[in-house]
Amino acid sequence: MKRNSVLTKAAPIVSLSVLMLLWLFASEKELIASYMLPSPQEVISAFVSELPVLMNHSLVTVQEAIYGLLIGIATAFVAAVIMDSVSFIKSALYPILVISQTIPTIAIAPLLVLWMGFDMAPKITLVVLTTFFPIAVSLLDGFQSADRDEINLLRSMGASGAQIFRHIKLPSATEQFFSGLKVSASYAVVGAVISEWLGGFEGLGVYMTRVKQAYAFDKMFAVIILISLLSLILMAVVAMLKKLATPYLKK
């Protein structure tokens, strides 16, 4: 058992190491032109030299991602509760929610910038649209998978709908909620960056457009790595919150 646990923990490190070695080999042997694929050393050097600038831009992007994620959680919770409570509203809204996910975010972003300007509002709105669906669907599935026998038992004891929701439906949806939240957390930073590509003054997306226009691909790779790290940090925070909120679940 311990050996399997060690191997499981070591697997991500091994896979990342292999990927880095392949990247290093490709750059050293010039299998791909250096201006198209900078070496890991060049990317690390660019990351270190640009760190103060990247931190300033990342503060804006993280702020947009967190605000959008929090609003997405709130709106998804309200929508899931309403759809669970009123079957007609679920039948009317659910297909619209599914269709909304077929629209590329890159197509929505210019419209949001046109309607809301170049400040933070369109970025937050796009993050809300990106993160809303996984949470809403996960919560709705959790509410509707609640044990019917337990619900009927509470009803026979005279419990109100609010009491049934609090004591049965909400706890039963906790695990699904955190599963959806983990997916949404990974989308939040990416959604903010995509919205910054098409308009704005600060943020990692704005930085990416500038270095792309300058053909500084080492800096481009550096900011891509930073975006991945920020997404992983958000997902780690969600995982920690899940452990705190659901200590009764198997680890």
Protein backbone atom coordinates (compact mmCIF):
# COMPACT_ATOMS: atom_id res chain seq x y z
CA MET A 1 0.00 0.00 0.00
CA LYS A 2 2.79 2.44 0.93
CA ARG A 3 4.64 1.66 -2.28
CA ASN A 4 1.53 2.37 -4.35
CA SER A 5 1.02 5.63 -2.47
CA VAL A 6 4.60 6.73 -3.17
CA LEU A 7 4.29 5.82 -6.84
CA THR A 8 1.02 7.76 -7.12
CA LYS A 9 2.57 10.86 -5.57
CA ALA A 10 5.70 10.57 -7.70
CA ALA A 11 3.84 10.09 -11.01
CA PRO A 12 3.14 13.83 -11.65
CA ILE A 13 6.77 14.72 -10.88
CA VAL A 14 8.03 12.02 -13.25
CA SER A 15 5.69 13.06 -16.08
CA LEU A 16 6.65 16.74 -15.71
CA SER A 17 10.34 15.82 -15.63
CA VAL A 18 9.98 13.77 -18.82
CA LEU A 19 8.16 16.67 -20.49
CA MET A 20 10.91 19.10 -19.46
CA LEU A 21 13.61 16.75 -20.77
CA LEU A 22 11.84 16.41 -24.11
CA TRP A 23 11.50 20.18 -24.31
CA LEU A 24 15.20 20.62 -23.47
CA PHE A 25 16.20 17.99 -26.03
CA ALA A 26 14.08 19.59 -28.76
CA SER A 27 15.54 23.04 -28.10
CA GLU A 28 19.16 21.85 -27.75
CA LYS A 29 19.00 19.82 -30.98
CA GLU A 30 17.10 22.66 -32.71
CA LEU A 31 14.37 20.31 -33.84
CA ILE A 32 12.18 23.41 -33.73
CA ALA A 33 13.54 26.87 -34.47
CA SER A 34 14.58 28.70 -31.30
CA TYR A 35 12.43 31.73 -32.12
CA MET A 36 9.40 29.40 -32.16
CA LEU A 37 10.35 27.22 -29.19
CA PRO A 38 12.68 28.91 -26.72
CA SER A 39 14.72 26.70 -24.41
CA PRO A 40 13.68 26.14 -20.79
CA GLN A 41 16.66 28.24 -19.68
CA GLU A 42 15.48 31.18 -21.78
CA VAL A 43 11.95 30.87 -20.41
CA ILE A 44 13.17 30.73 -16.80
CA SER A 45 15.44 33.73 -17.42
CA ALA A 46 12.51 35.67 -18.92
CA PHE A 47 10.29 34.67 -16.02
CA VAL A 48 12.81 35.92 -13.45
CA SER A 49 13.61 39.16 -15.29
CA GLU A 50 9.92 39.94 -15.91
CA LEU A 51 8.71 38.80 -12.48
CA PRO A 52 7.83 42.28 -11.11
CA VAL A 53 5.84 43.11 -14.26
CA LEU A 54 4.16 39.70 -14.27
CA MET A 55 3.17 40.08 -10.61
CA ASN A 56 1.54 43.46 -11.28
CA HIS A 57 -0.44 42.05 -14.19
CA SER A 58 -1.31 38.84 -12.35
CA LEU A 59 -2.84 40.80 -9.45
CA VAL A 60 -5.38 42.25 -11.88
CA THR A 61 -6.11 38.89 -13.53
CA VAL A 62 -6.48 37.07 -10.20
CA GLN A 63 -8.80 39.79 -8.92
CA GLU A 64 -11.01 39.41 -11.99
CA ALA A 65 -10.95 35.62 -11.69
CA ILE A 66 -11.88 35.57 -7.99
CA TYR A 67 -14.63 38.17 -8.31
CA GLY A 68 -16.08 36.33 -11.30
CA LEU A 69 -15.83 32.97 -9.57
CA LEU A 70 -17.58 34.23 -6.43
CA ILE A 71 -20.39 35.80 -8.45
CA GLY A 72 -20.60 32.62 -10.55
CA ILE A 73 -20.97 30.52 -7.39
CA ALA A 74 -23.73 32.78 -6.03
CA THR A 75 -25.72 32.89 -9.27
CA ALA A 76 -25.26 29.15 -9.88
CA PHE A 77 -26.52 28.36 -6.38
CA VAL A 78 -29.62 30.50 -6.81
CA ALA A 79 -30.32 29.06 -10.28
CA ALA A 80 -29.85 25.46 -9.07
CA VAL A 81 -32.20 26.01 -6.10
CA ILE A 82 -34.89 27.54 -8.31
CA MET A 83 -34.61 24.79 -10.95
CA ASP A 84 -34.74 22.12 -8.26
CA SER A 85 -37.81 23.72 -6.67
CA VAL A 86 -39.82 24.43 -9.83
CA SER A 87 -39.73 21.75 -12.54
CA PHE A 88 -41.21 24.11 -15.13
CA ILE A 89 -38.35 26.57 -14.68
CA LYS A 90 -35.87 23.71 -14.95
CA SER A 91 -37.44 22.56 -18.23
CA ALA A 92 -37.31 26.13 -19.55
CA LEU A 93 -33.82 27.14 -18.38
CA TYR A 94 -31.75 23.98 -18.59
CA PRO A 95 -31.67 23.79 -22.43
CA ILE A 96 -30.67 27.46 -22.54
CA LEU A 97 -27.82 26.81 -20.14
CA VAL A 98 -26.60 23.91 -22.28
CA ILE A 99 -26.81 25.98 -25.47
CA SER A 100 -24.90 28.83 -23.81
CA GLN A 101 -21.93 26.51 -23.37
CA THR A 102 -21.70 25.89 -27.13
CA ILE A 103 -20.87 29.56 -27.77
CA PRO A 104 -17.08 30.14 -27.80
CA THR A 105 -15.95 32.58 -25.13
CA ILE A 106 -13.65 34.21 -27.68
CA ALA A 107 -16.79 35.23 -29.60
CA ILE A 108 -18.55 36.67 -26.52
CA ALA A 109 -15.59 38.69 -25.23
CA PRO A 110 -15.63 41.42 -27.95
CA LEU A 111 -19.35 42.01 -27.38
CA LEU A 112 -18.84 42.38 -23.64
CA VAL A 113 -16.04 44.87 -24.23
CA LEU A 114 -18.27 46.79 -26.66
CA TRP A 115 -21.15 46.90 -24.19
CA MET A 116 -19.22 47.44 -20.93
CA GLY A 117 -16.01 49.18 -21.92
CA PHE A 118 -12.39 48.30 -21.20
CA ASP A 119 -12.50 48.22 -17.41
CA MET A 120 -12.91 45.19 -15.17
CA ALA A 121 -16.67 44.67 -15.68
CA PRO A 122 -16.53 42.72 -19.01
CA LYS A 123 -13.70 40.52 -17.70
CA ILE A 124 -15.62 39.61 -14.56
CA THR A 125 -18.77 38.98 -16.61
CA LEU A 126 -16.94 36.57 -18.91
CA VAL A 127 -15.52 34.70 -15.92
CA VAL A 128 -19.05 34.43 -14.48
CA LEU A 129 -20.33 33.02 -17.77
CA THR A 130 -17.42 30.58 -17.88
CA THR A 131 -17.69 29.33 -14.29
CA PHE A 132 -21.47 29.38 -13.82
CA PHE A 133 -22.45 26.26 -15.76
CA PRO A 134 -20.31 23.54 -14.09
CA ILE A 135 -21.34 24.69 -10.62
CA ALA A 136 -25.04 25.03 -11.46
CA VAL A 137 -25.22 21.58 -13.08
CA SER A 138 -23.27 19.93 -10.26
CA LEU A 139 -25.49 21.49 -7.59
CA LEU A 140 -28.68 20.59 -9.43
CA ASP A 141 -27.56 16.98 -9.82
CA GLY A 142 -26.66 16.90 -6.13
CA PHE A 143 -30.03 18.31 -5.04
CA GLN A 144 -31.95 15.85 -7.18
CA SER A 145 -29.88 12.85 -6.09
CA ALA A 146 -30.93 13.33 -2.46
CA ASP A 147 -32.35 10.23 -0.80
CA ARG A 148 -36.12 10.18 -1.44
CA ASP A 149 -36.78 8.03 1.63
CA GLU A 150 -35.11 10.58 3.88
CA ILE A 151 -37.11 13.39 2.27
CA ASN A 152 -40.36 11.48 2.73
CA LEU A 153 -39.44 10.75 6.36
CA LEU A 154 -38.92 14.43 7.12
CA ARG A 155 -42.16 15.32 5.34
CA SER A 156 -44.05 12.78 7.45
CA MET A 157 -42.63 14.49 10.52
CA GLY A 158 -43.95 17.85 9.33
CA ALA A 159 -40.69 19.35 8.08
CA SER A 160 -40.91 22.37 5.82
CA GLY A 161 -39.33 22.61 2.40
CA ALA A 162 -36.58 24.83 3.80
CA GLN A 163 -35.79 22.26 6.52
CA ILE A 164 -35.66 19.44 3.97
CA PHE A 165 -33.34 21.52 1.82
CA ARG A 166 -31.05 22.38 4.74
CA HIS A 167 -30.81 18.93 6.33
CA ILE A 168 -30.94 16.61 3.30
CA LYS A 169 -30.56 18.25 -0.10
CA LEU A 170 -27.76 20.66 0.73
CA PRO A 171 -25.51 18.06 2.43
CA SER A 172 -26.13 15.57 -0.39
CA ALA A 173 -24.98 18.14 -2.97
CA THR A 174 -21.76 19.14 -1.18
CA GLU A 175 -19.45 16.69 -2.94
CA GLN A 176 -20.90 17.49 -6.38
CA PHE A 177 -20.62 21.20 -5.65
CA PHE A 178 -16.90 20.96 -4.97
CA SER A 179 -16.39 18.85 -8.09
CA GLY A 180 -18.04 21.56 -10.18
CA LEU A 181 -16.15 24.27 -8.29
CA LYS A 182 -12.82 22.62 -9.06
CA VAL A 183 -13.64 22.67 -12.78
CA SER A 184 -14.80 26.29 -12.59
CA ALA A 185 -11.69 27.34 -10.65
CA SER A 186 -9.53 25.99 -13.47
CA TYR A 187 -11.59 27.99 -15.98
CA ALA A 188 -11.62 31.25 -14.00
CA VAL A 189 -8.08 32.46 -14.71
CA VAL A 190 -8.26 31.35 -18.35
CA GLY A 191 -11.57 33.18 -18.80
CA ALA A 192 -10.08 36.36 -17.39
CA VAL A 193 -7.03 36.10 -19.66
CA ILE A 194 -9.18 35.53 -22.77
CA SER A 195 -11.26 38.62 -22.00
CA GLU A 196 -8.08 40.68 -21.53
CA TRP A 197 -6.84 39.69 -24.98
CA LEU A 198 -9.56 41.74 -26.64
CA GLY A 199 -9.41 44.90 -24.60
CA GLY A 200 -7.92 46.29 -21.44
CA PHE A 201 -5.01 48.11 -19.92
CA GLU A 202 -3.69 45.62 -17.36
CA GLY A 203 -3.68 41.87 -16.83
CA LEU A 204 -1.82 38.81 -18.05
CA GLY A 205 -3.89 38.72 -21.24
CA VAL A 206 -2.82 42.28 -22.08
CA TYR A 207 0.79 41.35 -21.34
CA MET A 208 0.51 38.32 -23.64
CA THR A 209 -0.71 40.42 -26.57
CA ARG A 210 2.17 42.85 -26.11
CA VAL A 211 4.93 40.22 -26.01
CA LYS A 212 3.31 38.35 -28.92
CA GLN A 213 3.43 41.46 -31.06
CA ALA A 214 7.11 41.84 -30.11
CA TYR A 215 7.76 38.15 -31.00
CA ALA A 216 9.19 37.64 -27.50
CA PHE A 217 8.21 33.98 -27.25
CA ASP A 218 10.36 33.35 -24.18
CA LYS A 219 8.18 35.87 -22.32
CA MET A 220 5.08 34.30 -23.86
CA PHE A 221 6.03 30.89 -22.46
CA ALA A 222 6.80 32.50 -19.09
CA VAL A 223 3.32 33.99 -18.80
CA ILE A 224 1.73 30.70 -19.92
CA ILE A 225 3.54 28.93 -17.07
CA LEU A 226 2.35 31.61 -14.63
CA ILE A 227 -1.27 31.21 -15.78
CA SER A 228 -1.02 27.46 -15.26
CA LEU A 229 0.43 27.97 -11.77
CA LEU A 230 -2.35 30.37 -10.81
CA SER A 231 -5.01 27.91 -12.00
CA LEU A 232 -3.35 25.10 -10.04
CA ILE A 233 -3.25 27.27 -6.91
CA LEU A 234 -6.97 28.02 -7.20
CA MET A 235 -7.72 24.31 -7.65
CA ALA A 236 -5.57 23.50 -4.61
CA VAL A 237 -7.52 26.04 -2.55
CA VAL A 238 -10.77 24.39 -3.63
CA ALA A 239 -9.40 20.97 -2.67
CA MET A 240 -8.42 22.32 0.76
CA LEU A 241 -11.86 23.85 1.26
CA LYS A 242 -13.45 20.53 0.32
CA LYS A 243 -11.44 18.71 2.97
CA LEU A 244 -12.45 21.27 5.58
CA ALA A 245 -16.13 21.18 4.59
CA THR A 246 -16.42 17.41 4.12
CA PRO A 247 -14.15 15.68 6.65
CA TYR A 248 -16.51 12.69 6.61
CA LEU A 249 -15.68 11.81 3.00
CA LYS A 250 -12.96 9.30 2.18
CA LYS A 251 -9.67 10.89 1.24
